[in-house]
């Protein structure tokens, strides 16, 4: 393991930690984080496979109200280090460990957000004094804390000897890891159910069932995506509500007709 690999892993872990609250470049998403970690170790294929599987699990992880979802950033980074790194765990083991890692990440992010409360109060006082530079520094400070809460544990996992990591993981009873793996499968179903619930309208249900039927045929994902794009393009052009709105506007081009139609749904 070279110094460049270590530096890249820590940087990617730091970015994933910050992105868990920023959502700007999606570095915290499993498919992105695991791919980057795999790339740092020179094995991006393993990272993509692990990240794609974890992404299905993370579909059911979202913040709702005051409830904070399990941390996908730390789960992705830690699992990818163990699968793509010197420990060389198999994919199933890494997926099973992603769930406890996500709960550990959740505890860490709650701790950081608790500290951020005091930082916010300090920022309020800086605003009263007109100290804009201090407000900016405190703002970036909270982001850095979120990055460190993933980067520091990732570095610890990275620097532990592979034998110790493997021994510690092997000491976990199979009943626990198998249970976590099964639980992860349940979370995948919940994620799909939440997505399905978002598209549960009379206009979109036919596409859901058509897509299910097409998925049973011998098409790969690229071909299915191309079919879906073509169907969406045709549907927009023949959609009665859309065409009626254009006719009602007289084709004057004033306003965004598609946005006006979507507001009705």
C-alpha atoms as a PDB file:
ATOM      1  CA  UNK A   1       0.000   0.000   0.000  1.00  0.00           C
ATOM      2  CA  UNK A   2       1.659   3.187  -1.200  1.00  0.00           C
ATOM      3  CA  UNK A   3       1.579   6.662   0.342  1.00  0.00           C
ATOM      4  CA  UNK A   4      -0.454   7.881  -2.643  1.00  0.00           C
ATOM      5  CA  UNK A   5      -3.092   5.219  -1.932  1.00  0.00           C
ATOM      6  CA  UNK A   6      -3.294   6.251   1.726  1.00  0.00           C
ATOM      7  CA  UNK A   7      -3.611   9.943   0.844  1.00  0.00           C
ATOM      8  CA  UNK A   8      -6.306   9.296  -1.779  1.00  0.00           C
ATOM      9  CA  UNK A   9      -8.349   7.088   0.556  1.00  0.00           C
ATOM     10  CA  UNK A  10      -8.273   9.694   3.332  1.00  0.00           C
ATOM     11  CA  UNK A  11      -9.178  12.484   0.882  1.00  0.00           C
ATOM     12  CA  UNK A  12     -12.081  10.497  -0.564  1.00  0.00           C
ATOM     13  CA  UNK A  13     -13.275   9.621   2.945  1.00  0.00           C
ATOM     14  CA  UNK A  14     -13.072  13.303   3.935  1.00  0.00           C
ATOM     15  CA  UNK A  15     -15.097  14.364   0.879  1.00  0.00           C
ATOM     16  CA  UNK A  16     -17.698  11.657   1.534  1.00  0.00           C
ATOM     17  CA  UNK A  17     -18.117  12.889   5.104  1.00  0.00           C
ATOM     18  CA  UNK A  18     -18.698  16.494   4.006  1.00  0.00           C
ATOM     19  CA  UNK A  19     -21.041  15.462   1.199  1.00  0.00           C
ATOM     20  CA  UNK A  20     -23.293  13.653   3.665  1.00  0.00           C
ATOM     21  CA  UNK A  21     -24.623  17.104   4.606  1.00  0.00           C
ATOM     22  CA  UNK A  22     -23.819  19.130   1.466  1.00  0.00           C
ATOM     23  CA  UNK A  23     -25.299  16.834  -1.242  1.00  0.00           C
ATOM     24  CA  UNK A  24     -23.459  18.850  -3.874  1.00  0.00           C
ATOM     25  CA  UNK A  25     -21.351  16.276  -5.731  1.00  0.00           C
ATOM     26  CA  UNK A  26     -22.793  13.074  -4.173  1.00  0.00           C
ATOM     27  CA  UNK A  27     -19.431  11.724  -2.949  1.00  0.00           C
ATOM     28  CA  UNK A  28     -21.271  10.133  -0.018  1.00  0.00           C
ATOM     29  CA  UNK A  29     -23.414   7.923  -2.234  1.00  0.00           C
ATOM     30  CA  UNK A  30     -22.215   4.290  -2.018  1.00  0.00           C
ATOM     31  CA  UNK A  31     -21.788   3.843  -5.763  1.00  0.00           C
ATOM     32  CA  UNK A  32     -19.529   6.934  -5.893  1.00  0.00           C
ATOM     33  CA  UNK A  33     -17.650   6.502  -2.600  1.00  0.00           C
ATOM     34  CA  UNK A  34     -16.916   2.794  -3.100  1.00  0.00           C
ATOM     35  CA  UNK A  35     -15.803   3.372  -6.688  1.00  0.00           C
ATOM     36  CA  UNK A  36     -13.379   6.104  -5.604  1.00  0.00           C
ATOM     37  CA  UNK A  37     -11.969   3.968  -2.782  1.00  0.00           C
ATOM     38  CA  UNK A  38     -11.610   1.049  -5.189  1.00  0.00           C
ATOM     39  CA  UNK A  39      -9.860   3.354  -7.643  1.00  0.00           C
ATOM     40  CA  UNK A  40      -7.427   4.435  -4.920  1.00  0.00           C
ATOM     41  CA  UNK A  41      -6.547   0.784  -4.286  1.00  0.00           C
ATOM     42  CA  UNK A  42      -6.234   0.092  -8.018  1.00  0.00           C
ATOM     43  CA  UNK A  43      -9.341  -2.116  -8.149  1.00  0.00           C
ATOM     44  CA  UNK A  44     -12.279   0.061  -9.284  1.00  0.00           C
ATOM     45  CA  UNK A  45     -14.285  -2.970 -10.466  1.00  0.00           C
ATOM     46  CA  UNK A  46     -14.612  -4.284  -6.915  1.00  0.00           C
ATOM     47  CA  UNK A  47     -15.582  -0.814  -5.770  1.00  0.00           C
ATOM     48  CA  UNK A  48     -18.292  -0.467  -8.415  1.00  0.00           C
ATOM     49  CA  UNK A  49     -19.790  -3.871  -7.587  1.00  0.00           C
ATOM     50  CA  UNK A  50     -19.795  -3.187  -3.847  1.00  0.00           C
ATOM     51  CA  UNK A  51     -21.076   0.374  -4.300  1.00  0.00           C
ATOM     52  CA  UNK A  52     -23.870  -0.700  -6.643  1.00  0.00           C
ATOM     53  CA  UNK A  53     -25.107  -3.259  -4.120  1.00  0.00           C
ATOM     54  CA  UNK A  54     -24.870  -0.853  -1.188  1.00  0.00           C
ATOM     55  CA  UNK A  55     -26.672   1.811  -3.230  1.00  0.00           C
ATOM     56  CA  UNK A  56     -29.751  -0.421  -3.346  1.00  0.00           C
ATOM     57  CA  UNK A  57     -29.640  -0.677   0.437  1.00  0.00           C
ATOM     58  CA  UNK A  58     -29.088   3.072   0.867  1.00  0.00           C
ATOM     59  CA  UNK A  59     -32.208   3.867  -1.179  1.00  0.00           C
ATOM     60  CA  UNK A  60     -34.179   3.341   2.031  1.00  0.00           C
ATOM     61  CA  UNK A  61     -31.901   5.614   4.078  1.00  0.00           C
ATOM     62  CA  UNK A  62     -33.222   9.162   4.126  1.00  0.00           C
ATOM     63  CA  UNK A  63     -33.806  11.795   6.768  1.00  0.00           C
ATOM     64  CA  UNK A  64     -37.493  12.172   7.596  1.00  0.00           C
ATOM     65  CA  UNK A  65     -38.390  14.980   9.969  1.00  0.00           C
ATOM     66  CA  UNK A  66     -36.142  14.864  13.024  1.00  0.00           C
ATOM     67  CA  UNK A  67     -35.128  11.283  12.292  1.00  0.00           C
ATOM     68  CA  UNK A  68     -31.549  10.926  10.978  1.00  0.00           C
ATOM     69  CA  UNK A  69     -30.949   8.032   8.593  1.00  0.00           C
ATOM     70  CA  UNK A  70     -28.019   5.598   8.932  1.00  0.00           C
ATOM     71  CA  UNK A  71     -24.799   7.068   7.597  1.00  0.00           C
ATOM     72  CA  UNK A  72     -24.153   5.860   4.051  1.00  0.00           C
ATOM     73  CA  UNK A  73     -20.847   7.748   3.799  1.00  0.00           C
ATOM     74  CA  UNK A  74     -18.994   5.938   6.576  1.00  0.00           C
ATOM     75  CA  UNK A  75     -20.619   2.606   5.706  1.00  0.00           C
ATOM     76  CA  UNK A  76     -19.465   2.910   2.082  1.00  0.00           C
ATOM     77  CA  UNK A  77     -15.923   4.064   2.863  1.00  0.00           C
ATOM     78  CA  UNK A  78     -15.276   1.517   5.622  1.00  0.00           C
ATOM     79  CA  UNK A  79     -16.719  -1.407   3.666  1.00  0.00           C
ATOM     80  CA  UNK A  80     -14.809  -0.426   0.518  1.00  0.00           C
ATOM     81  CA  UNK A  81     -11.526  -0.237   2.453  1.00  0.00           C
ATOM     82  CA  UNK A  82     -12.036  -3.753   3.797  1.00  0.00           C
ATOM     83  CA  UNK A  83     -13.141  -5.204   0.462  1.00  0.00           C
ATOM     84  CA  UNK A  84     -10.774  -3.400  -1.916  1.00  0.00           C
ATOM     85  CA  UNK A  85      -7.872  -2.936   0.508  1.00  0.00           C
ATOM     86  CA  UNK A  86      -5.288  -5.291   2.016  1.00  0.00           C
ATOM     87  CA  UNK A  87      -7.903  -7.133   4.120  1.00  0.00           C
ATOM     88  CA  UNK A  88      -9.481  -8.393   0.885  1.00  0.00           C
ATOM     89  CA  UNK A  89     -12.867  -9.382   2.281  1.00  0.00           C
ATOM     90  CA  UNK A  90     -15.422 -10.862  -0.060  1.00  0.00           C
ATOM     91  CA  UNK A  91     -18.309  -8.723  -1.287  1.00  0.00           C
ATOM     92  CA  UNK A  92     -20.947 -10.411   0.868  1.00  0.00           C
ATOM     93  CA  UNK A  93     -18.951  -9.847   4.027  1.00  0.00           C
ATOM     94  CA  UNK A  94     -18.446  -6.204   3.181  1.00  0.00           C
ATOM     95  CA  UNK A  95     -22.174  -5.727   2.563  1.00  0.00           C
ATOM     96  CA  UNK A  96     -23.025  -7.398   5.869  1.00  0.00           C
ATOM     97  CA  UNK A  97     -20.635  -5.091   7.733  1.00  0.00           C
ATOM     98  CA  UNK A  98     -22.027  -1.980   6.027  1.00  0.00           C
ATOM     99  CA  UNK A  99     -25.069  -1.958   8.316  1.00  0.00           C
ATOM    100  CA  UNK A 100     -23.137  -1.782  11.636  1.00  0.00           C
ATOM    101  CA  UNK A 101     -20.745   0.696  10.036  1.00  0.00           C
ATOM    102  CA  UNK A 102     -23.725   2.857   9.066  1.00  0.00           C
ATOM    103  CA  UNK A 103     -24.971   2.850  12.668  1.00  0.00           C
ATOM    104  CA  UNK A 104     -21.489   3.798  13.912  1.00  0.00           C
ATOM    105  CA  UNK A 105     -21.463   6.625  11.372  1.00  0.00           C
ATOM    106  CA  UNK A 106     -24.891   7.707  12.612  1.00  0.00           C
ATOM    107  CA  UNK A 107     -23.552   8.022  16.160  1.00  0.00           C
ATOM    108  CA  UNK A 108     -20.594  10.046  14.899  1.00  0.00           C
ATOM    109  CA  UNK A 109     -22.744  12.431  12.852  1.00  0.00           C
ATOM    110  CA  UNK A 110     -25.083  12.991  15.809  1.00  0.00           C
ATOM    111  CA  UNK A 111     -22.043  13.872  17.938  1.00  0.00           C
ATOM    112  CA  UNK A 112     -20.772  16.310  15.294  1.00  0.00           C
ATOM    113  CA  UNK A 113     -24.199  17.908  14.909  1.00  0.00           C
ATOM    114  CA  UNK A 114     -24.384  18.321  18.683  1.00  0.00           C
ATOM    115  CA  UNK A 115     -21.062  20.175  18.612  1.00  0.00           C
ATOM    116  CA  UNK A 116     -22.378  22.229  15.685  1.00  0.00           C
ATOM    117  CA  UNK A 117     -25.073  23.671  17.965  1.00  0.00           C
ATOM    118  CA  UNK A 118     -22.401  25.568  19.921  1.00  0.00           C
ATOM    119  CA  UNK A 119     -20.780  26.645  16.661  1.00  0.00           C
ATOM    120  CA  UNK A 120     -24.111  28.063  15.464  1.00  0.00           C
ATOM    121  CA  UNK A 121     -24.445  30.090  18.674  1.00  0.00           C
ATOM    122  CA  UNK A 122     -20.911  31.402  18.146  1.00  0.00           C
ATOM    123  CA  UNK A 123     -21.865  32.349  14.591  1.00  0.00           C
ATOM    124  CA  UNK A 124     -24.926  34.217  15.894  1.00  0.00           C
ATOM    125  CA  UNK A 125     -22.709  36.274  18.173  1.00  0.00           C
ATOM    126  CA  UNK A 126     -20.320  36.933  15.275  1.00  0.00           C
ATOM    127  CA  UNK A 127     -23.246  38.182  13.180  1.00  0.00           C
ATOM    128  CA  UNK A 128     -24.264  40.604  15.945  1.00  0.00           C
ATOM    129  CA  UNK A 129     -20.739  42.013  15.894  1.00  0.00           C
ATOM    130  CA  UNK A 130     -20.664  42.130  12.089  1.00  0.00           C
ATOM    131  CA  UNK A 131     -17.735  39.713  11.909  1.00  0.00           C
ATOM    132  CA  UNK A 132     -18.450  38.096   8.528  1.00  0.00           C
ATOM    133  CA  UNK A 133     -15.059  36.376   8.286  1.00  0.00           C
ATOM    134  CA  UNK A 134     -15.642  34.536  11.552  1.00  0.00           C
ATOM    135  CA  UNK A 135     -19.066  33.400  10.346  1.00  0.00           C
ATOM    136  CA  UNK A 136     -17.477  32.018   7.192  1.00  0.00           C
ATOM    137  CA  UNK A 137     -14.765  30.270   9.208  1.00  0.00           C
ATOM    138  CA  UNK A 138     -17.326  28.672  11.519  1.00  0.00           C
ATOM    139  CA  UNK A 139     -19.387  27.588   8.525  1.00  0.00           C
ATOM    140  CA  UNK A 140     -16.426  25.848   6.927  1.00  0.00           C
ATOM    141  CA  UNK A 141     -15.441  24.479  10.322  1.00  0.00           C
ATOM    142  CA  UNK A 142     -18.665  22.510  10.637  1.00  0.00           C
ATOM    143  CA  UNK A 143     -18.127  21.024   7.165  1.00  0.00           C
ATOM    144  CA  UNK A 144     -14.570  20.063   8.097  1.00  0.00           C
ATOM    145  CA  UNK A 145     -15.826  18.327  11.240  1.00  0.00           C
ATOM    146  CA  UNK A 146     -18.222  16.272   9.144  1.00  0.00           C
ATOM    147  CA  UNK A 147     -15.371  15.300   6.870  1.00  0.00           C
ATOM    148  CA  UNK A 148     -13.096  14.348   9.762  1.00  0.00           C
ATOM    149  CA  UNK A 149     -15.729  12.135  11.373  1.00  0.00           C
ATOM    150  CA  UNK A 150     -15.364   9.800   8.375  1.00  0.00           C
ATOM    151  CA  UNK A 151     -11.708  10.417   7.480  1.00  0.00           C
ATOM    152  CA  UNK A 152     -10.304   9.682  10.954  1.00  0.00           C
ATOM    153  CA  UNK A 153     -12.082   6.300  11.466  1.00  0.00           C
ATOM    154  CA  UNK A 154     -11.249   5.410   7.853  1.00  0.00           C
ATOM    155  CA  UNK A 155      -7.573   6.105   8.557  1.00  0.00           C
ATOM    156  CA  UNK A 156      -7.714   3.898  11.643  1.00  0.00           C
ATOM    157  CA  UNK A 157      -9.190   1.035   9.607  1.00  0.00           C
ATOM    158  CA  UNK A 158      -6.632   1.692   6.901  1.00  0.00           C
ATOM    159  CA  UNK A 159      -3.601   1.573   9.221  1.00  0.00           C
ATOM    160  CA  UNK A 160      -4.656  -1.449  11.233  1.00  0.00           C
ATOM    161  CA  UNK A 161      -2.804  -4.569  10.107  1.00  0.00           C
ATOM    162  CA  UNK A 162      -4.990  -6.678   7.783  1.00  0.00           C
ATOM    163  CA  UNK A 163      -4.529  -9.663  10.115  1.00  0.00           C
ATOM    164  CA  UNK A 164      -6.024  -7.769  13.037  1.00  0.00           C
ATOM    165  CA  UNK A 165      -8.920  -6.483  10.939  1.00  0.00           C
ATOM    166  CA  UNK A 166      -9.622  -9.956   9.585  1.00  0.00           C
ATOM    167  CA  UNK A 167      -9.323 -11.531  13.047  1.00  0.00           C
ATOM    168  CA  UNK A 168     -11.697  -8.979  14.565  1.00  0.00           C
ATOM    169  CA  UNK A 169     -14.229  -9.483  11.792  1.00  0.00           C
ATOM    170  CA  UNK A 170     -13.966 -13.262  11.956  1.00  0.00           C
ATOM    171  CA  UNK A 171     -14.689 -13.104  15.681  1.00  0.00           C
ATOM    172  CA  UNK A 172     -18.175 -11.787  14.913  1.00  0.00           C
ATOM    173  CA  UNK A 173     -20.591 -14.744  15.072  1.00  0.00           C
ATOM    174  CA  UNK A 174     -22.130 -15.864  11.781  1.00  0.00           C
ATOM    175  CA  UNK A 175     -25.606 -15.471  13.223  1.00  0.00           C
ATOM    176  CA  UNK A 176     -24.974 -11.712  13.521  1.00  0.00           C
ATOM    177  CA  UNK A 177     -23.397 -11.161  10.100  1.00  0.00           C
ATOM    178  CA  UNK A 178     -25.999 -13.345   8.384  1.00  0.00           C
ATOM    179  CA  UNK A 179     -28.766 -11.492  10.197  1.00  0.00           C
ATOM    180  CA  UNK A 180     -27.343  -8.145   9.133  1.00  0.00           C
ATOM    181  CA  UNK A 181     -27.072  -9.355   5.544  1.00  0.00           C
ATOM    182  CA  UNK A 182     -30.714 -10.455   5.569  1.00  0.00           C
ATOM    183  CA  UNK A 183     -31.710  -7.164   7.191  1.00  0.00           C
ATOM    184  CA  UNK A 184     -29.862  -5.316   4.439  1.00  0.00           C
ATOM    185  CA  UNK A 185     -31.964  -7.208   1.910  1.00  0.00           C
ATOM    186  CA  UNK A 186     -35.112  -6.016   3.668  1.00  0.00           C
ATOM    187  CA  UNK A 187     -33.862  -2.433   3.471  1.00  0.00           C
ATOM    188  CA  UNK A 188     -33.458  -2.818  -0.307  1.00  0.00           C
ATOM    189  CA  UNK A 189     -37.132  -3.747  -0.537  1.00  0.00           C
ATOM    190  CA  UNK A 190     -38.064  -0.720   1.586  1.00  0.00           C
ATOM    191  CA  UNK A 191     -36.029   1.530  -0.702  1.00  0.00           C
ATOM    192  CA  UNK A 192     -37.827   0.256  -3.786  1.00  0.00           C
ATOM    193  CA  UNK A 193     -41.179   0.612  -2.006  1.00  0.00           C
ATOM    194  CA  UNK A 194     -40.431   4.268  -1.191  1.00  0.00           C
ATOM    195  CA  UNK A 195     -39.503   4.978  -4.804  1.00  0.00           C
ATOM    196  CA  UNK A 196     -42.634   3.186  -6.026  1.00  0.00           C
ATOM    197  CA  UNK A 197     -44.743   5.226  -3.600  1.00  0.00           C
ATOM    198  CA  UNK A 198     -43.317   8.441  -5.103  1.00  0.00           C
ATOM    199  CA  UNK A 199     -44.494   7.430  -8.586  1.00  0.00           C
ATOM    200  CA  UNK A 200     -47.879   6.095  -7.486  1.00  0.00           C
ATOM    201  CA  UNK A 201     -50.059   8.191  -9.822  1.00  0.00           C
ATOM    202  CA  UNK A 202     -52.586   7.128 -12.424  1.00  0.00           C
ATOM    203  CA  UNK A 203     -50.376   8.492 -15.181  1.00  0.00           C
ATOM    204  CA  UNK A 204     -47.246   6.589 -14.164  1.00  0.00           C
ATOM    205  CA  UNK A 205     -48.564   3.202 -13.021  1.00  0.00           C
ATOM    206  CA  UNK A 206     -48.803   1.831 -16.606  1.00  0.00           C
ATOM    207  CA  UNK A 207     -45.109   2.571 -17.121  1.00  0.00           C
ATOM    208  CA  UNK A 208     -44.267   0.745 -13.914  1.00  0.00           C
ATOM    209  CA  UNK A 209     -45.972  -2.435 -15.079  1.00  0.00           C
ATOM    210  CA  UNK A 210     -44.626  -2.126 -18.617  1.00  0.00           C
ATOM    211  CA  UNK A 211     -41.142  -1.744 -17.168  1.00  0.00           C
ATOM    212  CA  UNK A 212     -41.661  -4.825 -15.014  1.00  0.00           C
ATOM    213  CA  UNK A 213     -42.666  -6.881 -18.052  1.00  0.00           C
ATOM    214  CA  UNK A 214     -39.751  -5.585 -20.124  1.00  0.00           C
ATOM    215  CA  UNK A 215     -37.345  -6.433 -17.282  1.00  0.00           C
ATOM    216  CA  UNK A 216     -38.302 -10.096 -17.673  1.00  0.00           C
ATOM    217  CA  UNK A 217     -37.031 -10.051 -21.260  1.00  0.00           C
ATOM    218  CA  UNK A 218     -33.438 -10.458 -22.313  1.00  0.00           C
ATOM    219  CA  UNK A 219     -32.480  -6.754 -22.260  1.00  0.00           C
ATOM    220  CA  UNK A 220     -29.523  -5.182 -20.503  1.00  0.00           C
ATOM    221  CA  UNK A 221     -29.784  -1.944 -18.512  1.00  0.00           C
ATOM    222  CA  UNK A 222     -28.577   0.250 -21.389  1.00  0.00           C
ATOM    223  CA  UNK A 223     -31.207  -1.130 -23.757  1.00  0.00           C
ATOM    224  CA  UNK A 224     -33.935  -0.754 -21.121  1.00  0.00           C
ATOM    225  CA  UNK A 225     -32.808   2.817 -20.435  1.00  0.00           C
ATOM    226  CA  UNK A 226     -32.966   3.646 -24.147  1.00  0.00           C
ATOM    227  CA  UNK A 227     -36.475   2.163 -24.374  1.00  0.00           C
ATOM    228  CA  UNK A 228     -37.587   4.181 -21.342  1.00  0.00           C
ATOM    229  CA  UNK A 229     -36.161   7.397 -22.798  1.00  0.00           C
ATOM    230  CA  UNK A 230     -37.959   6.838 -26.105  1.00  0.00           C
ATOM    231  CA  UNK A 231     -41.254   6.017 -24.388  1.00  0.00           C
ATOM    232  CA  UNK A 232     -40.962   9.136 -22.197  1.00  0.00           C
ATOM    233  CA  UNK A 233     -40.278  11.303 -25.267  1.00  0.00           C
ATOM    234  CA  UNK A 234     -43.276   9.854 -27.143  1.00  0.00           C
ATOM    235  CA  UNK A 235     -45.514  10.191 -24.098  1.00  0.00           C
ATOM    236  CA  UNK A 236     -44.668  13.859 -23.583  1.00  0.00           C
ATOM    237  CA  UNK A 237     -45.517  14.571 -27.225  1.00  0.00           C
ATOM    238  CA  UNK A 238     -48.885  12.790 -27.177  1.00  0.00           C
ATOM    239  CA  UNK A 239     -49.909  13.486 -23.581  1.00  0.00           C
ATOM    240  CA  UNK A 240     -53.415  14.984 -23.821  1.00  0.00           C
ATOM    241  CA  UNK A 241     -52.986  17.312 -20.854  1.00  0.00           C
ATOM    242  CA  UNK A 242     -49.745  18.657 -22.257  1.00  0.00           C
ATOM    243  CA  UNK A 243     -51.168  19.111 -25.761  1.00  0.00           C
ATOM    244  CA  UNK A 244     -54.321  20.799 -24.443  1.00  0.00           C
ATOM    245  CA  UNK A 245     -52.247  23.270 -22.448  1.00  0.00           C
ATOM    246  CA  UNK A 246     -50.192  24.146 -25.523  1.00  0.00           C
ATOM    247  CA  UNK A 247     -53.373  24.595 -27.566  1.00  0.00           C
ATOM    248  CA  UNK A 248     -54.893  26.782 -24.870  1.00  0.00           C
ATOM    249  CA  UNK A 249     -51.850  29.039 -24.848  1.00  0.00           C
ATOM    250  CA  UNK A 250     -52.158  29.453 -28.611  1.00  0.00           C
ATOM    251  CA  UNK A 251     -48.538  28.415 -29.117  1.00  0.00           C
ATOM    252  CA  UNK A 252     -47.412  31.867 -28.041  1.00  0.00           C
ATOM    253  CA  UNK A 253     -44.423  30.476 -26.196  1.00  0.00           C
ATOM    254  CA  UNK A 254     -45.184  32.516 -23.066  1.00  0.00           C
ATOM    255  CA  UNK A 255     -44.154  30.672 -19.909  1.00  0.00           C
ATOM    256  CA  UNK A 256     -43.032  27.085 -19.473  1.00  0.00           C
ATOM    257  CA  UNK A 257     -45.943  24.848 -20.537  1.00  0.00           C
ATOM    258  CA  UNK A 258     -44.375  21.666 -19.219  1.00  0.00           C
ATOM    259  CA  UNK A 259     -43.832  23.173 -15.775  1.00  0.00           C
ATOM    260  CA  UNK A 260     -47.441  24.387 -15.764  1.00  0.00           C
ATOM    261  CA  UNK A 261     -48.692  20.892 -16.555  1.00  0.00           C
ATOM    262  CA  UNK A 262     -46.515  19.214 -13.933  1.00  0.00           C
ATOM    263  CA  UNK A 263     -47.838  21.603 -11.263  1.00  0.00           C
ATOM    264  CA  UNK A 264     -51.229  19.958 -11.705  1.00  0.00           C
ATOM    265  CA  UNK A 265     -49.848  16.602 -10.616  1.00  0.00           C
END
